[in-house]
Amino acid sequence: MPLAIALHVLAATLWVGGMFFAWMVLRPVAAARLEPPQRLALWRGVFARFFPWVWAAVAVLLGTGLWMLFAVFGGMAGAGWHVHLMLAIGLAMMAIYLHLWFAPWRRLQRAVNAEEWPEGGRQLARIRRLVGINLILGLVTVAIASGGRFL
């Protein structure tokens, strides 16, 4: 079980930490210093490198979470409210990421490749909102994970 917990925490840290860095650090600097063509090309490159890590994190989180749910708690009936809430939020985050991957991310790639900067900007704005929502959900989940069983 220690391996499952360690992998679970590492995957959550990677995903939530990456979103925090992108939203709170990279985004403001890129917006202030780069023109739209350079900014959109930067984000396409950043997402192209980050999103495979998110896919891995999603797989690890889902696998280790379900493993712990059934191995430790014997299923949903044995789990506390915090585990139910973490699972629900995690599934919502995964659904948001799937939408982000298959819709605005694909459209951003096409727009940047075609040098359609206004369309690229619209797609980047959609991605930014979705990442912002997932960042909030991820931070809430971290708080629940670290303190939920004590409430």
N, C-alpha and C. Protein backbone atom coordinates (compact mmCIF):
# COMPACT_ATOMS: atom_id res chain seq x y z
N MET A 1 0.80 -1.21 0.00
CA MET A 1 0.00 0.00 0.00
C MET A 1 0.85 1.28 0.00
N PRO A 2 2.02 1.29 0.65
CA PRO A 2 2.83 2.51 0.59
C PRO A 2 3.19 2.92 -0.84
N LEU A 3 3.41 1.95 -1.71
CA LEU A 3 3.72 2.27 -3.11
C LEU A 3 2.53 2.95 -3.77
N ALA A 4 1.34 2.45 -3.54
CA ALA A 4 0.14 3.06 -4.14
C ALA A 4 -0.05 4.49 -3.64
N ILE A 5 0.14 4.69 -2.35
CA ILE A 5 -0.01 6.05 -1.79
C ILE A 5 1.04 6.99 -2.38
N ALA A 6 2.29 6.53 -2.44
CA ALA A 6 3.36 7.37 -2.97
C ALA A 6 3.10 7.73 -4.43
N LEU A 7 2.73 6.77 -5.24
CA LEU A 7 2.45 7.04 -6.65
C LEU A 7 1.25 7.97 -6.80
N HIS A 8 0.24 7.77 -5.98
CA HIS A 8 -0.96 8.61 -6.03
C HIS A 8 -0.61 10.07 -5.71
N VAL A 9 0.14 10.26 -4.64
CA VAL A 9 0.51 11.62 -4.24
C VAL A 9 1.43 12.26 -5.28
N LEU A 10 2.37 11.50 -5.82
CA LEU A 10 3.27 12.05 -6.84
C LEU A 10 2.49 12.46 -8.09
N ALA A 11 1.55 11.63 -8.52
CA ALA A 11 0.76 11.97 -9.71
C ALA A 11 -0.09 13.22 -9.47
N ALA A 12 -0.70 13.32 -8.30
CA ALA A 12 -1.50 14.51 -7.99
C ALA A 12 -0.63 15.75 -7.92
N THR A 13 0.55 15.62 -7.33
CA THR A 13 1.48 16.75 -7.23
C THR A 13 1.90 17.22 -8.61
N LEU A 14 2.22 16.28 -9.48
CA LEU A 14 2.65 16.63 -10.84
C LEU A 14 1.54 17.39 -11.56
N TRP A 15 0.33 16.86 -11.53
CA TRP A 15 -0.77 17.49 -12.26
C TRP A 15 -1.14 18.84 -11.67
N VAL A 16 -1.41 18.89 -10.38
CA VAL A 16 -1.84 20.14 -9.76
C VAL A 16 -0.69 21.16 -9.75
N GLY A 17 0.51 20.70 -9.47
CA GLY A 17 1.66 21.61 -9.49
C GLY A 17 1.91 22.19 -10.87
N GLY A 18 1.76 21.36 -11.90
CA GLY A 18 1.93 21.86 -13.26
C GLY A 18 0.89 22.90 -13.62
N MET A 19 -0.34 22.68 -13.19
CA MET A 19 -1.39 23.67 -13.45
C MET A 19 -1.11 24.96 -12.69
N PHE A 20 -0.66 24.84 -11.46
CA PHE A 20 -0.35 26.02 -10.66
C PHE A 20 0.76 26.83 -11.33
N PHE A 21 1.82 26.16 -11.76
CA PHE A 21 2.92 26.86 -12.43
C PHE A 21 2.42 27.54 -13.70
N ALA A 22 1.66 26.82 -14.50
CA ALA A 22 1.19 27.39 -15.76
C ALA A 22 0.29 28.61 -15.52
N TRP A 23 -0.62 28.50 -14.57
CA TRP A 23 -1.60 29.56 -14.32
C TRP A 23 -0.99 30.77 -13.60
N MET A 24 -0.23 30.51 -12.56
CA MET A 24 0.23 31.58 -11.69
C MET A 24 1.58 32.17 -12.07
N VAL A 25 2.39 31.43 -12.82
CA VAL A 25 3.75 31.90 -13.12
C VAL A 25 3.94 32.15 -14.62
N LEU A 26 3.76 31.12 -15.43
CA LEU A 26 4.05 31.25 -16.86
C LEU A 26 3.05 32.14 -17.59
N ARG A 27 1.77 31.98 -17.31
CA ARG A 27 0.74 32.74 -18.01
C ARG A 27 0.93 34.26 -17.91
N PRO A 28 1.11 34.80 -16.71
CA PRO A 28 1.25 36.26 -16.63
C PRO A 28 2.51 36.77 -17.34
N VAL A 29 3.59 36.04 -17.25
CA VAL A 29 4.83 36.47 -17.91
C VAL A 29 4.67 36.41 -19.42
N ALA A 30 4.11 35.31 -19.92
CA ALA A 30 3.92 35.18 -21.36
C ALA A 30 2.99 36.26 -21.90
N ALA A 31 1.92 36.55 -21.16
CA ALA A 31 0.97 37.57 -21.61
C ALA A 31 1.60 38.96 -21.63
N ALA A 32 2.48 39.22 -20.68
CA ALA A 32 3.08 40.55 -20.59
C ALA A 32 4.24 40.75 -21.58
N ARG A 33 4.91 39.69 -21.96
CA ARG A 33 6.15 39.85 -22.73
C ARG A 33 6.10 39.37 -24.17
N LEU A 34 5.10 38.58 -24.54
CA LEU A 34 5.09 37.99 -25.88
C LEU A 34 3.89 38.47 -26.69
N GLU A 35 4.13 38.67 -27.96
CA GLU A 35 3.05 38.98 -28.90
C GLU A 35 2.26 37.70 -29.17
N PRO A 36 1.02 37.83 -29.64
CA PRO A 36 0.19 36.64 -29.84
C PRO A 36 0.85 35.49 -30.60
N PRO A 37 1.52 35.71 -31.72
CA PRO A 37 2.12 34.55 -32.41
C PRO A 37 3.14 33.80 -31.55
N GLN A 38 3.99 34.54 -30.86
CA GLN A 38 4.99 33.88 -30.01
C GLN A 38 4.34 33.24 -28.78
N ARG A 39 3.37 33.94 -28.20
CA ARG A 39 2.69 33.43 -27.01
C ARG A 39 1.94 32.13 -27.32
N LEU A 40 1.22 32.12 -28.44
CA LEU A 40 0.47 30.93 -28.81
C LEU A 40 1.39 29.77 -29.16
N ALA A 41 2.49 30.06 -29.84
CA ALA A 41 3.46 29.00 -30.15
C ALA A 41 4.09 28.46 -28.86
N LEU A 42 4.36 29.35 -27.92
CA LEU A 42 4.91 28.91 -26.63
C LEU A 42 3.94 27.96 -25.93
N TRP A 43 2.68 28.36 -25.86
CA TRP A 43 1.69 27.53 -25.17
C TRP A 43 1.49 26.20 -25.88
N ARG A 44 1.50 26.21 -27.20
CA ARG A 44 1.39 24.93 -27.91
C ARG A 44 2.53 24.02 -27.51
N GLY A 45 3.74 24.56 -27.44
CA GLY A 45 4.89 23.76 -27.04
C GLY A 45 4.82 23.31 -25.59
N VAL A 46 4.39 24.19 -24.71
CA VAL A 46 4.27 23.84 -23.29
C VAL A 46 3.24 22.73 -23.11
N PHE A 47 2.07 22.90 -23.71
CA PHE A 47 1.03 21.88 -23.57
C PHE A 47 1.45 20.55 -24.21
N ALA A 48 2.14 20.62 -25.32
CA ALA A 48 2.59 19.38 -25.98
C ALA A 48 3.53 18.59 -25.07
N ARG A 49 4.27 19.27 -24.23
CA ARG A 49 5.16 18.57 -23.28
C ARG A 49 4.46 18.21 -21.98
N PHE A 50 3.50 19.04 -21.54
CA PHE A 50 2.83 18.81 -20.26
C PHE A 50 1.72 17.77 -20.36
N PHE A 51 0.95 17.79 -21.42
CA PHE A 51 -0.22 16.92 -21.50
C PHE A 51 0.10 15.43 -21.46
N PRO A 52 1.19 14.95 -22.04
CA PRO A 52 1.49 13.51 -21.83
C PRO A 52 1.72 13.17 -20.35
N TRP A 53 2.28 14.10 -19.60
CA TRP A 53 2.44 13.89 -18.16
C TRP A 53 1.08 13.86 -17.47
N VAL A 54 0.15 14.68 -17.94
CA VAL A 54 -1.20 14.66 -17.36
C VAL A 54 -1.87 13.33 -17.65
N TRP A 55 -1.73 12.82 -18.88
CA TRP A 55 -2.30 11.51 -19.19
C TRP A 55 -1.75 10.45 -18.25
N ALA A 56 -0.44 10.48 -18.02
CA ALA A 56 0.17 9.52 -17.10
C ALA A 56 -0.37 9.71 -15.68
N ALA A 57 -0.50 10.96 -15.25
CA ALA A 57 -1.02 11.25 -13.92
C ALA A 57 -2.45 10.74 -13.77
N VAL A 58 -3.27 10.96 -14.79
CA VAL A 58 -4.66 10.49 -14.75
C VAL A 58 -4.69 8.97 -14.60
N ALA A 59 -3.88 8.28 -15.38
CA ALA A 59 -3.85 6.81 -15.31
C ALA A 59 -3.40 6.34 -13.93
N VAL A 60 -2.35 6.96 -13.40
CA VAL A 60 -1.84 6.57 -12.09
C VAL A 60 -2.85 6.90 -10.99
N LEU A 61 -3.45 8.08 -11.05
CA LEU A 61 -4.43 8.47 -10.03
C LEU A 61 -5.64 7.54 -10.04
N LEU A 62 -6.14 7.24 -11.22
CA LEU A 62 -7.30 6.36 -11.30
C LEU A 62 -6.94 4.95 -10.83
N GLY A 63 -5.81 4.44 -11.31
CA GLY A 63 -5.41 3.09 -10.93
C GLY A 63 -5.11 2.94 -9.45
N THR A 64 -4.30 3.84 -8.91
CA THR A 64 -3.95 3.72 -7.49
C THR A 64 -5.13 4.08 -6.59
N GLY A 65 -5.94 5.04 -7.02
CA GLY A 65 -7.12 5.40 -6.23
C GLY A 65 -8.09 4.24 -6.09
N LEU A 66 -8.38 3.59 -7.21
CA LEU A 66 -9.29 2.45 -7.15
C LEU A 66 -8.66 1.28 -6.40
N TRP A 67 -7.38 1.08 -6.58
CA TRP A 67 -6.67 0.02 -5.86
C TRP A 67 -6.81 0.24 -4.35
N MET A 68 -6.51 1.47 -3.90
CA MET A 68 -6.62 1.75 -2.46
C MET A 68 -8.06 1.68 -1.98
N LEU A 69 -8.99 2.16 -2.80
CA LEU A 69 -10.40 2.13 -2.42
C LEU A 69 -10.84 0.70 -2.10
N PHE A 70 -10.46 -0.24 -2.94
CA PHE A 70 -10.91 -1.62 -2.73
C PHE A 70 -10.00 -2.40 -1.79
N ALA A 71 -8.69 -2.16 -1.82
CA ALA A 71 -7.76 -2.91 -0.96
C ALA A 71 -7.81 -2.44 0.49
N VAL A 72 -7.96 -1.14 0.69
CA VAL A 72 -7.94 -0.59 2.05
C VAL A 72 -9.34 -0.52 2.64
N PHE A 73 -10.29 0.00 1.88
CA PHE A 73 -11.62 0.26 2.41
C PHE A 73 -12.63 -0.84 2.07
N GLY A 74 -12.25 -1.76 1.21
CA GLY A 74 -13.17 -2.82 0.81
C GLY A 74 -14.28 -2.34 -0.09
N GLY A 75 -14.10 -1.21 -0.73
CA GLY A 75 -15.10 -0.64 -1.64
C GLY A 75 -15.67 0.66 -1.10
N MET A 76 -16.63 1.19 -1.83
CA MET A 76 -17.20 2.49 -1.49
C MET A 76 -17.89 2.49 -0.13
N ALA A 77 -18.49 1.39 0.24
CA ALA A 77 -19.23 1.35 1.51
C ALA A 77 -18.31 1.54 2.71
N GLY A 78 -17.05 1.13 2.60
CA GLY A 78 -16.12 1.25 3.71
C GLY A 78 -15.34 2.55 3.73
N ALA A 79 -15.50 3.36 2.70
CA ALA A 79 -14.73 4.60 2.59
C ALA A 79 -15.45 5.76 3.25
N GLY A 80 -14.69 6.68 3.81
CA GLY A 80 -15.25 7.88 4.43
C GLY A 80 -15.71 8.88 3.39
N TRP A 81 -16.39 9.90 3.87
CA TRP A 81 -16.92 10.93 2.98
C TRP A 81 -15.82 11.59 2.18
N HIS A 82 -14.64 11.75 2.80
CA HIS A 82 -13.55 12.43 2.10
C HIS A 82 -13.08 11.63 0.89
N VAL A 83 -13.11 10.31 0.98
CA VAL A 83 -12.72 9.46 -0.15
C VAL A 83 -13.75 9.58 -1.27
N HIS A 84 -15.02 9.57 -0.91
CA HIS A 84 -16.09 9.74 -1.90
C HIS A 84 -15.93 11.09 -2.61
N LEU A 85 -15.67 12.13 -1.84
CA LEU A 85 -15.53 13.46 -2.41
C LEU A 85 -14.30 13.56 -3.30
N MET A 86 -13.17 12.98 -2.85
CA MET A 86 -11.96 12.99 -3.69
C MET A 86 -12.21 12.27 -5.01
N LEU A 87 -12.89 11.15 -4.97
CA LEU A 87 -13.18 10.40 -6.18
C LEU A 87 -14.08 11.21 -7.11
N ALA A 88 -15.11 11.81 -6.57
CA ALA A 88 -16.03 12.61 -7.39
C ALA A 88 -15.30 13.79 -8.04
N ILE A 89 -14.52 14.50 -7.26
CA ILE A 89 -13.78 15.65 -7.82
C ILE A 89 -12.75 15.17 -8.83
N GLY A 90 -12.06 14.10 -8.51
CA GLY A 90 -11.06 13.56 -9.45
C GLY A 90 -11.69 13.16 -10.77
N LEU A 91 -12.84 12.52 -10.73
CA LEU A 91 -13.52 12.15 -11.98
C LEU A 91 -13.97 13.40 -12.75
N ALA A 92 -14.43 14.42 -12.04
CA ALA A 92 -14.81 15.67 -12.71
C ALA A 92 -13.58 16.31 -13.36
N MET A 93 -12.45 16.31 -12.66
CA MET A 93 -11.22 16.86 -13.23
C MET A 93 -10.80 16.10 -14.48
N MET A 94 -10.92 14.79 -14.43
CA MET A 94 -10.56 13.98 -15.59
C MET A 94 -11.48 14.27 -16.77
N ALA A 95 -12.78 14.45 -16.51
CA ALA A 95 -13.72 14.78 -17.57
C ALA A 95 -13.39 16.14 -18.18
N ILE A 96 -13.06 17.11 -17.35
CA ILE A 96 -12.67 18.43 -17.86
C ILE A 96 -11.42 18.31 -18.71
N TYR A 97 -10.44 17.53 -18.25
CA TYR A 97 -9.21 17.34 -19.02
C TYR A 97 -9.51 16.66 -20.36
N LEU A 98 -10.35 15.65 -20.37
CA LEU A 98 -10.69 14.99 -21.63
C LEU A 98 -11.32 15.98 -22.61
N HIS A 99 -12.23 16.81 -22.12
CA HIS A 99 -12.81 17.83 -22.99
C HIS A 99 -11.74 18.78 -23.50
N LEU A 100 -10.88 19.24 -22.60
CA LEU A 100 -9.80 20.15 -22.97
C LEU A 100 -8.94 19.52 -24.07
N TRP A 101 -8.59 18.25 -23.90
CA TRP A 101 -7.70 17.55 -24.84
C TRP A 101 -8.35 17.42 -26.22
N PHE A 102 -9.61 16.99 -26.24
CA PHE A 102 -10.25 16.67 -27.51
C PHE A 102 -10.89 17.86 -28.20
N ALA A 103 -11.07 18.98 -27.52
CA ALA A 103 -11.72 20.12 -28.16
C ALA A 103 -10.76 21.31 -28.25
N PRO A 104 -10.65 22.17 -27.24
CA PRO A 104 -9.85 23.38 -27.44
C PRO A 104 -8.37 23.12 -27.73
N TRP A 105 -7.79 22.07 -27.17
CA TRP A 105 -6.37 21.79 -27.44
C TRP A 105 -6.17 21.45 -28.91
N ARG A 106 -7.02 20.63 -29.47
CA ARG A 106 -6.91 20.27 -30.89
C ARG A 106 -7.12 21.51 -31.76
N ARG A 107 -8.08 22.34 -31.39
CA ARG A 107 -8.33 23.56 -32.17
C ARG A 107 -7.19 24.55 -32.03
N LEU A 108 -6.57 24.63 -30.85
CA LEU A 108 -5.41 25.51 -30.68
C LEU A 108 -4.27 25.04 -31.58
N GLN A 109 -4.01 23.76 -31.61
CA GLN A 109 -2.94 23.25 -32.46
C GLN A 109 -3.19 23.62 -33.93
N ARG A 110 -4.40 23.39 -34.40
CA ARG A 110 -4.73 23.71 -35.80
C ARG A 110 -4.57 25.20 -36.06
N ALA A 111 -5.04 26.03 -35.13
CA ALA A 111 -4.96 27.48 -35.33
C ALA A 111 -3.51 27.95 -35.38
N VAL A 112 -2.68 27.46 -34.50
CA VAL A 112 -1.27 27.88 -34.50
C VAL A 112 -0.58 27.38 -35.76
N ASN A 113 -0.84 26.15 -36.16
CA ASN A 113 -0.23 25.63 -37.39
C ASN A 113 -0.63 26.44 -38.61
N ALA A 114 -1.88 26.93 -38.64
CA ALA A 114 -2.38 27.72 -39.76
C ALA A 114 -2.11 29.22 -39.58
N GLU A 115 -1.48 29.59 -38.47
CA GLU A 115 -1.20 30.99 -38.13
C GLU A 115 -2.48 31.83 -38.08
N GLU A 116 -3.53 31.22 -37.56
CA GLU A 116 -4.80 31.92 -37.33
C GLU A 116 -4.81 32.40 -35.88
N TRP A 117 -4.14 33.51 -35.64
CA TRP A 117 -3.88 33.97 -34.28
C TRP A 117 -5.13 34.31 -33.49
N PRO A 118 -6.14 34.99 -34.08
CA PRO A 118 -7.35 35.27 -33.28
C PRO A 118 -8.04 33.98 -32.81
N GLU A 119 -8.15 32.99 -33.70
CA GLU A 119 -8.76 31.72 -33.31
C GLU A 119 -7.91 31.02 -32.25
N GLY A 120 -6.61 31.07 -32.42
CA GLY A 120 -5.72 30.49 -31.42
C GLY A 120 -5.90 31.15 -30.06
N GLY A 121 -6.08 32.47 -30.07
CA GLY A 121 -6.31 33.19 -28.83
C GLY A 121 -7.61 32.77 -28.16
N ARG A 122 -8.66 32.56 -28.95
CA ARG A 122 -9.94 32.10 -28.39
C ARG A 122 -9.79 30.71 -27.76
N GLN A 123 -9.07 29.84 -28.42
CA GLN A 123 -8.89 28.48 -27.88
C GLN A 123 -8.01 28.49 -26.64
N LEU A 124 -6.99 29.34 -26.65
CA LEU A 124 -6.14 29.45 -25.46
C LEU A 124 -6.94 29.98 -24.28
N ALA A 125 -7.84 30.92 -24.53
CA ALA A 125 -8.70 31.44 -23.46
C ALA A 125 -9.60 30.33 -22.90
N ARG A 126 -10.11 29.47 -23.76
CA ARG A 126 -10.93 28.33 -23.29
C ARG A 126 -10.09 27.39 -22.44
N ILE A 127 -8.89 27.10 -22.92
CA ILE A 127 -8.00 26.22 -22.16
C ILE A 127 -7.68 26.84 -20.82
N ARG A 128 -7.40 28.13 -20.80
CA ARG A 128 -7.07 28.83 -19.56
C ARG A 128 -8.20 28.69 -18.54
N ARG A 129 -9.45 28.87 -18.99
CA ARG A 129 -10.59 28.73 -18.08
C ARG A 129 -10.70 27.30 -17.53
N LEU A 130 -10.54 26.33 -18.41
CA LEU A 130 -10.65 24.94 -17.98
C LEU A 130 -9.52 24.56 -17.02
N VAL A 131 -8.32 25.02 -17.31
CA VAL A 131 -7.20 24.76 -16.40
C VAL A 131 -7.43 25.46 -15.07
N GLY A 132 -7.97 26.66 -15.10
CA GLY A 132 -8.29 27.38 -13.86
C GLY A 132 -9.30 26.63 -13.01
N ILE A 133 -10.33 26.10 -13.65
CA ILE A 133 -11.32 25.30 -12.92
C ILE A 133 -10.66 24.07 -12.33
N ASN A 134 -9.86 23.37 -13.15
CA ASN A 134 -9.21 22.16 -12.65
C ASN A 134 -8.19 22.47 -11.56
N LEU A 135 -7.54 23.60 -11.65
CA LEU A 135 -6.60 23.98 -10.60
C LEU A 135 -7.33 24.16 -9.27
N ILE A 136 -8.44 24.86 -9.29
CA ILE A 136 -9.22 25.04 -8.06
C ILE A 136 -9.69 23.69 -7.52
N LEU A 137 -10.23 22.86 -8.40
CA LEU A 137 -10.67 21.53 -7.97
C LEU A 137 -9.51 20.71 -7.42
N GLY A 138 -8.36 20.81 -8.06
CA GLY A 138 -7.19 20.07 -7.59
C GLY A 138 -6.72 20.54 -6.23
N LEU A 139 -6.71 21.84 -6.00
CA LEU A 139 -6.29 22.36 -4.70
C LEU A 139 -7.28 21.96 -3.61
N VAL A 140 -8.57 21.99 -3.94
CA VAL A 140 -9.58 21.54 -2.98
C VAL A 140 -9.36 20.06 -2.66
N THR A 141 -9.06 19.27 -3.66
CA THR A 141 -8.84 17.84 -3.45
C THR A 141 -7.61 17.60 -2.57
N VAL A 142 -6.56 18.37 -2.78
CA VAL A 142 -5.37 18.25 -1.93
C VAL A 142 -5.74 18.56 -0.48
N ALA A 143 -6.53 19.60 -0.27
CA ALA A 143 -6.95 19.93 1.10
C ALA A 143 -7.79 18.81 1.71
N ILE A 144 -8.69 18.26 0.92
CA ILE A 144 -9.52 17.15 1.41
C ILE A 144 -8.64 15.93 1.71
N ALA A 145 -7.70 15.65 0.83
CA ALA A 145 -6.83 14.48 1.01
C ALA A 145 -5.97 14.60 2.27
N SER A 146 -5.51 15.81 2.53
CA SER A 146 -4.61 15.99 3.67
C SER A 146 -5.34 16.15 5.00
N GLY A 147 -6.57 16.60 4.97
CA GLY A 147 -7.25 16.84 6.25
C GLY A 147 -8.62 16.23 6.40
N GLY A 148 -9.17 15.68 5.34
CA GLY A 148 -10.55 15.19 5.36
C GLY A 148 -10.82 14.12 6.37
N ARG A 149 -9.90 13.22 6.58
CA ARG A 149 -10.16 12.12 7.52
C ARG A 149 -10.16 12.59 8.97
N PHE A 150 -9.68 13.80 9.21
CA PHE A 150 -9.63 14.33 10.59
C PHE A 150 -10.88 15.13 10.94
N LEU A 151 -11.75 15.37 9.97
CA LEU A 151 -12.95 16.16 10.24
C LEU A 151 -14.10 15.30 10.71
